[in-house]
Amino acid sequence: MSIKNVLYGFGVLVFLGCQPSYAQSVVPENDNSTAEFVELCRNLNDVDAQNFCFGFGEGVFQTYMADRPKQAQPEFCLPKAAIHARAF
């Protein structure tokens, strides 16, 4: 790997890091509610919805596990038997 390639790669990273990012300033009035997300996740025929719900749930659980103190009592109990996702 030459110094030219390293400098080129670094320049690309700096350029990509300098791109502006904008936060959503106003939440739309018709934004999804919790009830709408629950309905979405209940639809077992919609594979995209099921993938979204699984990913969202996994993210919530991983965040919970990462943020809780190691000595804290668990807030919920998982069954001892293995949990298997329903195959499509």
N, C-alpha and C. Protein backbone atom coordinates (compact mmCIF):
# COMPACT_ATOMS: atom_id res chain seq x y z
N MET A 1 0.86 -1.17 0.00
CA MET A 1 0.00 0.00 0.00
C MET A 1 0.91 1.23 0.00
N SER A 2 0.67 2.08 -0.95
CA SER A 2 1.52 3.27 -1.07
C SER A 2 0.94 4.42 -0.25
N ILE A 3 1.77 5.40 0.01
CA ILE A 3 1.34 6.59 0.75
C ILE A 3 0.26 7.34 -0.02
N LYS A 4 0.35 7.26 -1.34
CA LYS A 4 -0.66 7.93 -2.18
C LYS A 4 -2.04 7.33 -1.94
N ASN A 5 -2.13 6.01 -1.85
CA ASN A 5 -3.41 5.36 -1.59
C ASN A 5 -3.93 5.69 -0.19
N VAL A 6 -3.04 5.74 0.78
CA VAL A 6 -3.44 6.08 2.14
C VAL A 6 -3.99 7.50 2.20
N LEU A 7 -3.29 8.45 1.56
CA LEU A 7 -3.75 9.84 1.55
C LEU A 7 -5.06 9.99 0.79
N TYR A 8 -5.20 9.25 -0.30
CA TYR A 8 -6.45 9.28 -1.06
C TYR A 8 -7.60 8.77 -0.20
N GLY A 9 -7.40 7.65 0.48
CA GLY A 9 -8.43 7.09 1.36
C GLY A 9 -8.78 8.03 2.49
N PHE A 10 -7.77 8.66 3.08
CA PHE A 10 -8.02 9.61 4.15
C PHE A 10 -8.82 10.81 3.63
N GLY A 11 -8.48 11.29 2.43
CA GLY A 11 -9.21 12.41 1.84
C GLY A 11 -10.67 12.08 1.60
N VAL A 12 -10.94 10.86 1.14
CA VAL A 12 -12.32 10.43 0.92
C VAL A 12 -13.08 10.39 2.24
N LEU A 13 -12.45 9.85 3.29
CA LEU A 13 -13.11 9.80 4.59
C LEU A 13 -13.41 11.19 5.14
N VAL A 14 -12.46 12.11 4.98
CA VAL A 14 -12.68 13.48 5.44
C VAL A 14 -13.83 14.12 4.66
N PHE A 15 -13.85 13.91 3.35
CA PHE A 15 -14.91 14.48 2.53
C PHE A 15 -16.27 13.93 2.94
N LEU A 16 -16.35 12.61 3.15
CA LEU A 16 -17.63 12.02 3.54
C LEU A 16 -18.05 12.47 4.93
N GLY A 17 -17.09 12.70 5.81
CA GLY A 17 -17.41 13.15 7.16
C GLY A 17 -17.87 14.59 7.22
N CYS A 18 -17.59 15.36 6.18
CA CYS A 18 -17.95 16.78 6.18
C CYS A 18 -19.31 17.04 5.53
N GLN A 19 -19.99 16.00 5.13
CA GLN A 19 -21.30 16.19 4.51
C GLN A 19 -22.29 16.67 5.58
N PRO A 20 -23.14 17.62 5.25
CA PRO A 20 -24.09 18.11 6.25
C PRO A 20 -25.17 17.06 6.54
N SER A 21 -25.60 17.03 7.76
CA SER A 21 -26.71 16.17 8.14
C SER A 21 -27.75 17.04 8.83
N TYR A 22 -28.99 16.74 8.56
CA TYR A 22 -30.07 17.57 9.08
C TYR A 22 -31.01 16.72 9.91
N ALA A 23 -31.35 17.21 11.08
CA ALA A 23 -32.32 16.52 11.92
C ALA A 23 -33.72 16.90 11.48
N GLN A 24 -34.66 16.03 11.78
CA GLN A 24 -36.05 16.33 11.46
C GLN A 24 -36.53 17.37 12.46
N SER A 25 -36.83 18.56 11.96
CA SER A 25 -37.17 19.66 12.86
C SER A 25 -38.62 19.62 13.33
N VAL A 26 -39.52 19.22 12.45
CA VAL A 26 -40.94 19.19 12.81
C VAL A 26 -41.47 17.79 12.51
N VAL A 27 -42.02 17.15 13.53
CA VAL A 27 -42.60 15.83 13.33
C VAL A 27 -43.98 16.01 12.71
N PRO A 28 -44.27 15.27 11.64
CA PRO A 28 -45.59 15.40 11.01
C PRO A 28 -46.71 15.03 11.97
N GLU A 29 -47.86 15.69 11.79
CA GLU A 29 -48.99 15.41 12.67
C GLU A 29 -49.50 13.99 12.51
N ASN A 30 -49.40 13.45 11.31
CA ASN A 30 -49.89 12.10 11.07
C ASN A 30 -48.80 11.05 11.26
N ASP A 31 -47.84 11.33 12.11
CA ASP A 31 -46.75 10.40 12.38
C ASP A 31 -47.32 9.14 13.03
N ASN A 32 -46.65 8.02 12.85
CA ASN A 32 -47.15 6.75 13.37
C ASN A 32 -47.23 6.75 14.88
N SER A 33 -48.30 6.17 15.39
CA SER A 33 -48.48 6.04 16.83
C SER A 33 -48.04 4.64 17.26
N THR A 34 -47.97 4.42 18.55
CA THR A 34 -47.62 3.11 19.07
C THR A 34 -48.64 2.07 18.63
N ALA A 35 -49.92 2.45 18.65
CA ALA A 35 -50.97 1.52 18.23
C ALA A 35 -50.79 1.11 16.77
N GLU A 36 -50.38 2.03 15.92
CA GLU A 36 -50.16 1.70 14.51
C GLU A 36 -48.98 0.74 14.35
N PHE A 37 -47.91 0.94 15.15
CA PHE A 37 -46.78 0.02 15.10
C PHE A 37 -47.18 -1.38 15.59
N VAL A 38 -48.01 -1.44 16.62
CA VAL A 38 -48.48 -2.74 17.12
C VAL A 38 -49.30 -3.44 16.03
N GLU A 39 -50.18 -2.71 15.36
CA GLU A 39 -50.96 -3.30 14.27
C GLU A 39 -50.05 -3.78 13.16
N LEU A 40 -49.03 -3.01 12.83
CA LEU A 40 -48.08 -3.40 11.80
C LEU A 40 -47.40 -4.71 12.17
N CYS A 41 -47.00 -4.84 13.42
CA CYS A 41 -46.28 -6.03 13.85
C CYS A 41 -47.20 -7.25 13.99
N ARG A 42 -48.48 -7.05 14.12
CA ARG A 42 -49.43 -8.17 14.21
C ARG A 42 -49.70 -8.81 12.86
N ASN A 43 -49.41 -8.10 11.79
CA ASN A 43 -49.69 -8.63 10.45
C ASN A 43 -48.59 -9.63 10.07
N LEU A 44 -48.86 -10.91 10.30
CA LEU A 44 -47.87 -11.96 10.06
C LEU A 44 -47.67 -12.25 8.58
N ASN A 45 -48.53 -11.74 7.72
CA ASN A 45 -48.40 -11.96 6.28
C ASN A 45 -47.47 -10.95 5.61
N ASP A 46 -47.13 -9.88 6.29
CA ASP A 46 -46.26 -8.84 5.74
C ASP A 46 -44.83 -9.11 6.20
N VAL A 47 -44.02 -9.68 5.31
CA VAL A 47 -42.65 -10.07 5.66
C VAL A 47 -41.81 -8.84 6.00
N ASP A 48 -41.98 -7.76 5.25
CA ASP A 48 -41.21 -6.54 5.54
C ASP A 48 -41.53 -6.00 6.92
N ALA A 49 -42.81 -6.02 7.29
CA ALA A 49 -43.22 -5.54 8.62
C ALA A 49 -42.63 -6.43 9.70
N GLN A 50 -42.64 -7.74 9.47
CA GLN A 50 -42.08 -8.66 10.46
C GLN A 50 -40.59 -8.45 10.62
N ASN A 51 -39.88 -8.22 9.53
CA ASN A 51 -38.45 -7.94 9.61
C ASN A 51 -38.18 -6.65 10.37
N PHE A 52 -38.99 -5.61 10.11
CA PHE A 52 -38.84 -4.35 10.83
C PHE A 52 -39.07 -4.55 12.32
N CYS A 53 -40.15 -5.25 12.65
CA CYS A 53 -40.50 -5.45 14.06
C CYS A 53 -39.44 -6.28 14.79
N PHE A 54 -38.93 -7.30 14.11
CA PHE A 54 -37.88 -8.12 14.72
C PHE A 54 -36.64 -7.26 14.97
N GLY A 55 -36.23 -6.48 13.98
CA GLY A 55 -35.05 -5.63 14.12
C GLY A 55 -35.23 -4.58 15.20
N PHE A 56 -36.42 -3.99 15.25
CA PHE A 56 -36.69 -2.98 16.28
C PHE A 56 -36.64 -3.62 17.67
N GLY A 57 -37.28 -4.76 17.83
CA GLY A 57 -37.28 -5.45 19.12
C GLY A 57 -35.88 -5.87 19.54
N GLU A 58 -35.10 -6.36 18.59
CA GLU A 58 -33.73 -6.76 18.88
C GLU A 58 -32.90 -5.55 19.32
N GLY A 59 -33.11 -4.42 18.65
CA GLY A 59 -32.39 -3.20 19.02
C GLY A 59 -32.75 -2.72 20.42
N VAL A 60 -34.04 -2.78 20.76
CA VAL A 60 -34.48 -2.38 22.09
C VAL A 60 -33.85 -3.29 23.14
N PHE A 61 -33.88 -4.61 22.89
CA PHE A 61 -33.32 -5.56 23.85
C PHE A 61 -31.82 -5.38 24.00
N GLN A 62 -31.10 -5.21 22.90
CA GLN A 62 -29.65 -5.03 22.98
C GLN A 62 -29.29 -3.75 23.74
N THR A 63 -30.06 -2.69 23.52
CA THR A 63 -29.83 -1.44 24.24
C THR A 63 -30.09 -1.62 25.73
N TYR A 64 -31.17 -2.33 26.05
CA TYR A 64 -31.49 -2.62 27.45
C TYR A 64 -30.34 -3.39 28.11
N MET A 65 -29.84 -4.41 27.42
CA MET A 65 -28.77 -5.23 27.99
C MET A 65 -27.46 -4.44 28.13
N ALA A 66 -27.20 -3.55 27.20
CA ALA A 66 -25.95 -2.79 27.24
C ALA A 66 -25.99 -1.68 28.29
N ASP A 67 -27.16 -1.12 28.54
CA ASP A 67 -27.26 0.03 29.44
C ASP A 67 -27.52 -0.32 30.89
N ARG A 68 -27.96 -1.52 31.18
CA ARG A 68 -28.30 -1.84 32.56
C ARG A 68 -27.04 -2.19 33.34
N PRO A 69 -27.00 -1.84 34.61
CA PRO A 69 -25.85 -2.21 35.44
C PRO A 69 -25.73 -3.73 35.55
N LYS A 70 -24.51 -4.22 35.66
CA LYS A 70 -24.27 -5.67 35.70
C LYS A 70 -24.95 -6.34 36.90
N GLN A 71 -25.05 -5.65 38.04
CA GLN A 71 -25.63 -6.25 39.24
C GLN A 71 -27.13 -6.04 39.33
N ALA A 72 -27.74 -5.37 38.38
CA ALA A 72 -29.17 -5.07 38.45
C ALA A 72 -30.01 -6.33 38.29
N GLN A 73 -31.12 -6.37 39.00
CA GLN A 73 -32.07 -7.47 38.83
C GLN A 73 -32.75 -7.33 37.47
N PRO A 74 -32.97 -8.43 36.78
CA PRO A 74 -33.65 -8.33 35.48
C PRO A 74 -35.08 -7.81 35.64
N GLU A 75 -35.52 -7.03 34.69
CA GLU A 75 -36.87 -6.47 34.74
C GLU A 75 -37.90 -7.42 34.16
N PHE A 76 -37.45 -8.46 33.47
CA PHE A 76 -38.36 -9.48 32.94
C PHE A 76 -37.58 -10.79 32.84
N CYS A 77 -38.30 -11.89 32.80
CA CYS A 77 -37.67 -13.21 32.75
C CYS A 77 -37.96 -13.86 31.41
N LEU A 78 -36.92 -14.42 30.81
CA LEU A 78 -37.09 -15.18 29.58
C LEU A 78 -37.30 -16.64 29.93
N PRO A 79 -38.09 -17.37 29.14
CA PRO A 79 -38.30 -18.78 29.44
C PRO A 79 -37.01 -19.58 29.33
N LYS A 80 -36.94 -20.67 30.08
CA LYS A 80 -35.74 -21.50 30.06
C LYS A 80 -35.59 -22.22 28.73
N ALA A 81 -36.71 -22.62 28.12
CA ALA A 81 -36.67 -23.32 26.84
C ALA A 81 -36.29 -22.34 25.73
N ALA A 82 -35.70 -22.86 24.70
CA ALA A 82 -35.30 -22.02 23.58
C ALA A 82 -36.51 -21.43 22.88
N ILE A 83 -36.37 -20.22 22.41
CA ILE A 83 -37.43 -19.55 21.66
C ILE A 83 -37.07 -19.62 20.19
N HIS A 84 -37.99 -20.12 19.37
CA HIS A 84 -37.73 -20.24 17.95
C HIS A 84 -38.67 -19.33 17.19
N ALA A 85 -38.12 -18.60 16.23
CA ALA A 85 -38.95 -17.74 15.38
C ALA A 85 -39.74 -18.63 14.42
N ARG A 86 -40.94 -18.20 14.12
CA ARG A 86 -41.78 -18.93 13.18
C ARG A 86 -41.19 -18.80 11.79
N ALA A 87 -40.97 -19.91 11.11
CA ALA A 87 -40.41 -19.88 9.76
C ALA A 87 -41.47 -19.50 8.76
N PHE A 88 -41.09 -18.70 7.77
CA PHE A 88 -42.03 -18.29 6.74
C PHE A 88 -41.95 -19.22 5.57
